C-alpha atoms as a PDB file:
ATOM      1  CA  UNK A   1     118.038 158.213  -4.815  1.00  0.00           C
ATOM      2  CA  UNK A   2     114.680 160.006  -4.691  1.00  0.00           C
ATOM      3  CA  UNK A   3     112.999 157.099  -6.482  1.00  0.00           C
ATOM      4  CA  UNK A   4     114.476 154.654  -4.012  1.00  0.00           C
ATOM      5  CA  UNK A   5     113.238 156.750  -1.108  1.00  0.00           C
ATOM      6  CA  UNK A   6     109.725 157.074  -2.629  1.00  0.00           C
ATOM      7  CA  UNK A   7     109.616 153.341  -3.264  1.00  0.00           C
ATOM      8  CA  UNK A   8     110.592 152.698   0.351  1.00  0.00           C
ATOM      9  CA  UNK A   9     107.876 155.088   1.616  1.00  0.00           C
ATOM     10  CA  UNK A  10     105.253 153.412  -0.593  1.00  0.00           C
ATOM     11  CA  UNK A  11     106.253 150.004   0.744  1.00  0.00           C
ATOM     12  CA  UNK A  12     105.972 151.237   4.346  1.00  0.00           C
ATOM     13  CA  UNK A  13     102.547 152.771   3.675  1.00  0.00           C
ATOM     14  CA  UNK A  14     101.389 149.581   1.961  1.00  0.00           C
ATOM     15  CA  UNK A  15     102.651 147.482   4.878  1.00  0.00           C
ATOM     16  CA  UNK A  16     100.935 149.765   7.423  1.00  0.00           C
ATOM     17  CA  UNK A  17      97.627 149.651   5.549  1.00  0.00           C
ATOM     18  CA  UNK A  18      97.805 145.855   5.276  1.00  0.00           C
ATOM     19  CA  UNK A  19      98.667 145.568   8.972  1.00  0.00           C
ATOM     20  CA  UNK A  20      95.687 147.709  10.000  1.00  0.00           C
ATOM     21  CA  UNK A  21      93.347 145.855   7.650  1.00  0.00           C
ATOM     22  CA  UNK A  22      94.524 142.595   9.185  1.00  0.00           C
ATOM     23  CA  UNK A  23      93.866 143.893  12.695  1.00  0.00           C
ATOM     24  CA  UNK A  24      90.393 145.107  11.669  1.00  0.00           C
ATOM     25  CA  UNK A  25      89.583 141.734  10.101  1.00  0.00           C
ATOM     26  CA  UNK A  26      90.693 139.885  13.218  1.00  0.00           C
ATOM     27  CA  UNK A  27      88.601 142.145  15.459  1.00  0.00           C
ATOM     28  CA  UNK A  28      85.597 141.751  13.173  1.00  0.00           C
ATOM     29  CA  UNK A  29      85.973 137.957  13.110  1.00  0.00           C
ATOM     30  CA  UNK A  30      86.248 137.736  16.886  1.00  0.00           C
ATOM     31  CA  UNK A  31      83.238 140.035  17.278  1.00  0.00           C
ATOM     32  CA  UNK A  32      81.099 137.962  14.925  1.00  0.00           C
ATOM     33  CA  UNK A  33      82.074 134.778  16.753  1.00  0.00           C
ATOM     34  CA  UNK A  34      80.850 136.108  20.076  1.00  0.00           C
ATOM     35  CA  UNK A  35      77.439 137.213  18.809  1.00  0.00           C
ATOM     36  CA  UNK A  36      74.530 135.035  19.853  1.00  0.00           C
ATOM     37  CA  UNK A  37      70.995 134.902  18.600  1.00  0.00           C
ATOM     38  CA  UNK A  38      68.520 137.423  19.920  1.00  0.00           C
ATOM     39  CA  UNK A  39      65.690 135.059  19.030  1.00  0.00           C
ATOM     40  CA  UNK A  40      65.358 131.317  19.360  1.00  0.00           C
ATOM     41  CA  UNK A  41      65.730 129.441  16.070  1.00  0.00           C
ATOM     42  CA  UNK A  42      62.523 128.059  14.567  1.00  0.00           C
ATOM     43  CA  UNK A  43      63.452 124.456  15.387  1.00  0.00           C
ATOM     44  CA  UNK A  44      63.828 125.393  19.063  1.00  0.00           C
ATOM     45  CA  UNK A  45      60.514 127.275  19.090  1.00  0.00           C
ATOM     46  CA  UNK A  46      58.734 124.279  17.579  1.00  0.00           C
ATOM     47  CA  UNK A  47      60.227 121.760  20.014  1.00  0.00           C
ATOM     48  CA  UNK A  48      57.730 120.435  22.534  1.00  0.00           C
ATOM     49  CA  UNK A  49      57.765 119.819  26.258  1.00  0.00           C
ATOM     50  CA  UNK A  50      55.384 118.445  28.843  1.00  0.00           C
ATOM     51  CA  UNK A  51      53.931 120.805  31.419  1.00  0.00           C
ATOM     52  CA  UNK A  52      53.139 119.650  34.959  1.00  0.00           C
ATOM     53  CA  UNK A  53      49.821 118.096  33.964  1.00  0.00           C
ATOM     54  CA  UNK A  54      51.685 116.341  31.105  1.00  0.00           C
ATOM     55  CA  UNK A  55      50.080 118.369  28.339  1.00  0.00           C
ATOM     56  CA  UNK A  56      52.334 118.889  25.312  1.00  0.00           C
ATOM     57  CA  UNK A  57      53.392 122.510  24.767  1.00  0.00           C
ATOM     58  CA  UNK A  58      55.880 124.090  22.360  1.00  0.00           C
ATOM     59  CA  UNK A  59      58.607 126.505  23.389  1.00  0.00           C
ATOM     60  CA  UNK A  60      56.869 129.240  21.394  1.00  0.00           C
ATOM     61  CA  UNK A  61      53.691 128.643  23.439  1.00  0.00           C
ATOM     62  CA  UNK A  62      55.709 128.730  26.669  1.00  0.00           C
ATOM     63  CA  UNK A  63      57.268 132.060  25.690  1.00  0.00           C
ATOM     64  CA  UNK A  64      53.886 133.431  24.599  1.00  0.00           C
ATOM     65  CA  UNK A  65      52.472 132.589  28.049  1.00  0.00           C
ATOM     66  CA  UNK A  66      54.920 135.017  29.677  1.00  0.00           C
ATOM     67  CA  UNK A  67      54.975 137.617  26.886  1.00  0.00           C
ATOM     68  CA  UNK A  68      55.805 141.091  28.171  1.00  0.00           C
ATOM     69  CA  UNK A  69      57.717 139.747  31.182  1.00  0.00           C
ATOM     70  CA  UNK A  70      61.376 139.024  31.661  1.00  0.00           C
ATOM     71  CA  UNK A  71      61.861 135.254  31.602  1.00  0.00           C
ATOM     72  CA  UNK A  72      64.675 133.302  33.227  1.00  0.00           C
ATOM     73  CA  UNK A  73      64.940 129.844  31.693  1.00  0.00           C
ATOM     74  CA  UNK A  74      66.744 127.334  33.906  1.00  0.00           C
ATOM     75  CA  UNK A  75      67.692 124.094  32.149  1.00  0.00           C
ATOM     76  CA  UNK A  76      68.345 121.534  34.857  1.00  0.00           C
ATOM     77  CA  UNK A  77      67.937 117.916  36.042  1.00  0.00           C
ATOM     78  CA  UNK A  78      67.672 116.187  39.410  1.00  0.00           C
ATOM     79  CA  UNK A  79      70.755 114.071  38.646  1.00  0.00           C
ATOM     80  CA  UNK A  80      72.847 117.210  37.951  1.00  0.00           C
ATOM     81  CA  UNK A  81      74.945 118.034  41.012  1.00  0.00           C
ATOM     82  CA  UNK A  82      75.780 121.556  39.798  1.00  0.00           C
ATOM     83  CA  UNK A  83      72.072 122.210  39.218  1.00  0.00           C
ATOM     84  CA  UNK A  84      71.186 121.221  42.788  1.00  0.00           C
ATOM     85  CA  UNK A  85      74.129 123.079  44.342  1.00  0.00           C
ATOM     86  CA  UNK A  86      73.017 126.245  42.510  1.00  0.00           C
ATOM     87  CA  UNK A  87      69.409 126.158  43.750  1.00  0.00           C
ATOM     88  CA  UNK A  88      69.988 128.376  46.833  1.00  0.00           C
ATOM     89  CA  UNK A  89      71.487 131.036  44.534  1.00  0.00           C
ATOM     90  CA  UNK A  90      68.484 130.695  42.249  1.00  0.00           C
ATOM     91  CA  UNK A  91      66.155 131.165  45.234  1.00  0.00           C
ATOM     92  CA  UNK A  92      68.054 134.364  46.047  1.00  0.00           C
ATOM     93  CA  UNK A  93      67.433 135.557  42.479  1.00  0.00           C
ATOM     94  CA  UNK A  94      63.736 134.805  42.895  1.00  0.00           C
ATOM     95  CA  UNK A  95      63.647 136.934  46.045  1.00  0.00           C
ATOM     96  CA  UNK A  96      65.578 139.790  44.418  1.00  0.00           C
ATOM     97  CA  UNK A  97      63.658 139.666  41.121  1.00  0.00           C
ATOM     98  CA  UNK A  98      60.098 138.602  42.012  1.00  0.00           C
ATOM     99  CA  UNK A  99      58.560 139.963  38.785  1.00  0.00           C
ATOM    100  CA  UNK A 100      60.611 137.640  36.579  1.00  0.00           C
ATOM    101  CA  UNK A 101      58.915 134.521  35.179  1.00  0.00           C
ATOM    102  CA  UNK A 102      61.039 131.530  36.224  1.00  0.00           C
ATOM    103  CA  UNK A 103      60.772 128.751  33.655  1.00  0.00           C
ATOM    104  CA  UNK A 104      62.388 125.438  34.546  1.00  0.00           C
ATOM    105  CA  UNK A 105      63.064 122.983  31.722  1.00  0.00           C
ATOM    106  CA  UNK A 106      64.027 119.586  33.063  1.00  0.00           C
ATOM    107  CA  UNK A 107      66.337 117.188  31.269  1.00  0.00           C
ATOM    108  CA  UNK A 108      65.567 114.414  33.744  1.00  0.00           C
ATOM    109  CA  UNK A 109      65.448 110.856  32.471  1.00  0.00           C
ATOM    110  CA  UNK A 110      61.835 110.336  33.521  1.00  0.00           C
ATOM    111  CA  UNK A 111      58.699 112.336  34.256  1.00  0.00           C
ATOM    112  CA  UNK A 112      58.585 110.727  37.715  1.00  0.00           C
ATOM    113  CA  UNK A 113      62.086 111.955  38.635  1.00  0.00           C
ATOM    114  CA  UNK A 114      61.243 115.405  37.297  1.00  0.00           C
ATOM    115  CA  UNK A 115      58.061 115.699  39.370  1.00  0.00           C
ATOM    116  CA  UNK A 116      59.754 114.326  42.507  1.00  0.00           C
ATOM    117  CA  UNK A 117      62.569 116.864  42.020  1.00  0.00           C
ATOM    118  CA  UNK A 118      60.146 119.789  41.830  1.00  0.00           C
ATOM    119  CA  UNK A 119      58.628 118.700  45.131  1.00  0.00           C
ATOM    120  CA  UNK A 120      61.873 117.662  46.845  1.00  0.00           C
ATOM    121  CA  UNK A 121      63.656 120.931  46.062  1.00  0.00           C
ATOM    122  CA  UNK A 122      60.525 123.078  46.465  1.00  0.00           C
ATOM    123  CA  UNK A 123      61.095 124.798  43.129  1.00  0.00           C
ATOM    124  CA  UNK A 124      58.864 127.812  42.631  1.00  0.00           C
ATOM    125  CA  UNK A 125      58.199 128.636  39.021  1.00  0.00           C
ATOM    126  CA  UNK A 126      56.791 127.196  35.831  1.00  0.00           C
ATOM    127  CA  UNK A 127      57.897 123.662  35.033  1.00  0.00           C
ATOM    128  CA  UNK A 128      58.395 121.805  31.776  1.00  0.00           C
ATOM    129  CA  UNK A 129      59.925 118.449  30.901  1.00  0.00           C
ATOM    130  CA  UNK A 130      61.997 117.878  27.771  1.00  0.00           C
ATOM    131  CA  UNK A 131      60.977 114.458  26.462  1.00  0.00           C
ATOM    132  CA  UNK A 132      64.064 114.188  24.244  1.00  0.00           C
ATOM    133  CA  UNK A 133      66.520 115.919  26.592  1.00  0.00           C
ATOM    134  CA  UNK A 134      70.011 116.272  25.160  1.00  0.00           C
ATOM    135  CA  UNK A 135      68.819 114.902  21.804  1.00  0.00           C
ATOM    136  CA  UNK A 136      66.054 117.505  21.455  1.00  0.00           C
ATOM    137  CA  UNK A 137      65.886 120.175  18.774  1.00  0.00           C
ATOM    138  CA  UNK A 138      65.864 122.709  21.605  1.00  0.00           C
ATOM    139  CA  UNK A 139      69.209 121.441  22.978  1.00  0.00           C
ATOM    140  CA  UNK A 140      70.775 121.389  19.513  1.00  0.00           C
ATOM    141  CA  UNK A 141      69.462 124.846  18.625  1.00  0.00           C
ATOM    142  CA  UNK A 142      70.967 126.488  21.715  1.00  0.00           C
ATOM    143  CA  UNK A 143      74.238 124.530  21.539  1.00  0.00           C
ATOM    144  CA  UNK A 144      73.563 123.021  24.949  1.00  0.00           C
ATOM    145  CA  UNK A 145      76.792 121.594  26.333  1.00  0.00           C
ATOM    146  CA  UNK A 146      76.322 121.925  30.089  1.00  0.00           C
ATOM    147  CA  UNK A 147      73.631 122.177  32.714  1.00  0.00           C
ATOM    148  CA  UNK A 148      72.583 124.126  34.565  1.00  0.00           C
ATOM    149  CA  UNK A 149      72.155 126.603  31.753  1.00  0.00           C
ATOM    150  CA  UNK A 150      70.443 129.924  32.248  1.00  0.00           C
ATOM    151  CA  UNK A 151      68.948 131.991  29.442  1.00  0.00           C
ATOM    152  CA  UNK A 152      67.280 135.366  29.931  1.00  0.00           C
ATOM    153  CA  UNK A 153      64.552 136.553  27.571  1.00  0.00           C
ATOM    154  CA  UNK A 154      63.728 140.235  28.059  1.00  0.00           C
ATOM    155  CA  UNK A 155      60.244 141.730  28.134  1.00  0.00           C
ATOM    156  CA  UNK A 156      60.483 142.466  24.389  1.00  0.00           C
ATOM    157  CA  UNK A 157      60.935 138.756  23.694  1.00  0.00           C
ATOM    158  CA  UNK A 158      64.620 138.987  22.788  1.00  0.00           C
ATOM    159  CA  UNK A 159      67.332 136.824  24.299  1.00  0.00           C
ATOM    160  CA  UNK A 160      69.359 139.228  26.431  1.00  0.00           C
ATOM    161  CA  UNK A 161      71.592 136.533  27.931  1.00  0.00           C
ATOM    162  CA  UNK A 162      72.286 133.463  25.860  1.00  0.00           C
ATOM    163  CA  UNK A 163      74.425 131.479  28.266  1.00  0.00           C
ATOM    164  CA  UNK A 164      75.253 131.418  31.946  1.00  0.00           C
ATOM    165  CA  UNK A 165      76.039 128.303  33.975  1.00  0.00           C
ATOM    166  CA  UNK A 166      75.863 129.796  37.457  1.00  0.00           C
ATOM    167  CA  UNK A 167      72.892 131.515  39.064  1.00  0.00           C
ATOM    168  CA  UNK A 168      75.156 134.166  40.579  1.00  0.00           C
ATOM    169  CA  UNK A 169      76.899 135.031  37.297  1.00  0.00           C
ATOM    170  CA  UNK A 170      77.168 138.851  37.167  1.00  0.00           C
ATOM    171  CA  UNK A 171      76.035 138.790  33.496  1.00  0.00           C
ATOM    172  CA  UNK A 172      72.865 136.963  34.552  1.00  0.00           C
ATOM    173  CA  UNK A 173      72.117 139.466  37.301  1.00  0.00           C
ATOM    174  CA  UNK A 174      72.762 142.374  34.912  1.00  0.00           C
ATOM    175  CA  UNK A 175      70.391 140.870  32.313  1.00  0.00           C
ATOM    176  CA  UNK A 176      67.661 140.558  34.959  1.00  0.00           C
ATOM    177  CA  UNK A 177      68.172 144.177  36.038  1.00  0.00           C
ATOM    178  CA  UNK A 178      67.717 145.554  32.520  1.00  0.00           C
END
């Protein structure tokens, strides 16, 4: 009888330990899945864009230009309705966070459309054109699946917000406040 009871207790303890290990593993797996890079991958940093005078510049050079500042990267296009609808909210961010460097990376289909869009929408900030757009190393490296896409790089050069799709996203505002 005592052996049977001890065996039953051991089985319950074993089951409880296994259950808790399973829960810990699930939590760990979910946590790992939600982590995002704090730095851009090398292939993104080496990808090139055109600046407004159509000089080729790499993402690493763009980031170096604003080193020590918080940077808000806005990936957009003139043909993107959500991008255009969000511009007033972006302007509000610019008023509330004037010390942030606003970097616009356009995925327009042509340089002409990109430049007309900057003028038409009176976009204040630093402008770059992705020659390869959705097929670029930059897009692949950041798992770009939607625009607009906002990324915040803090003053230490680390990505503090990897993905937001609305300019009034509370996570975006919090990242700019930090």
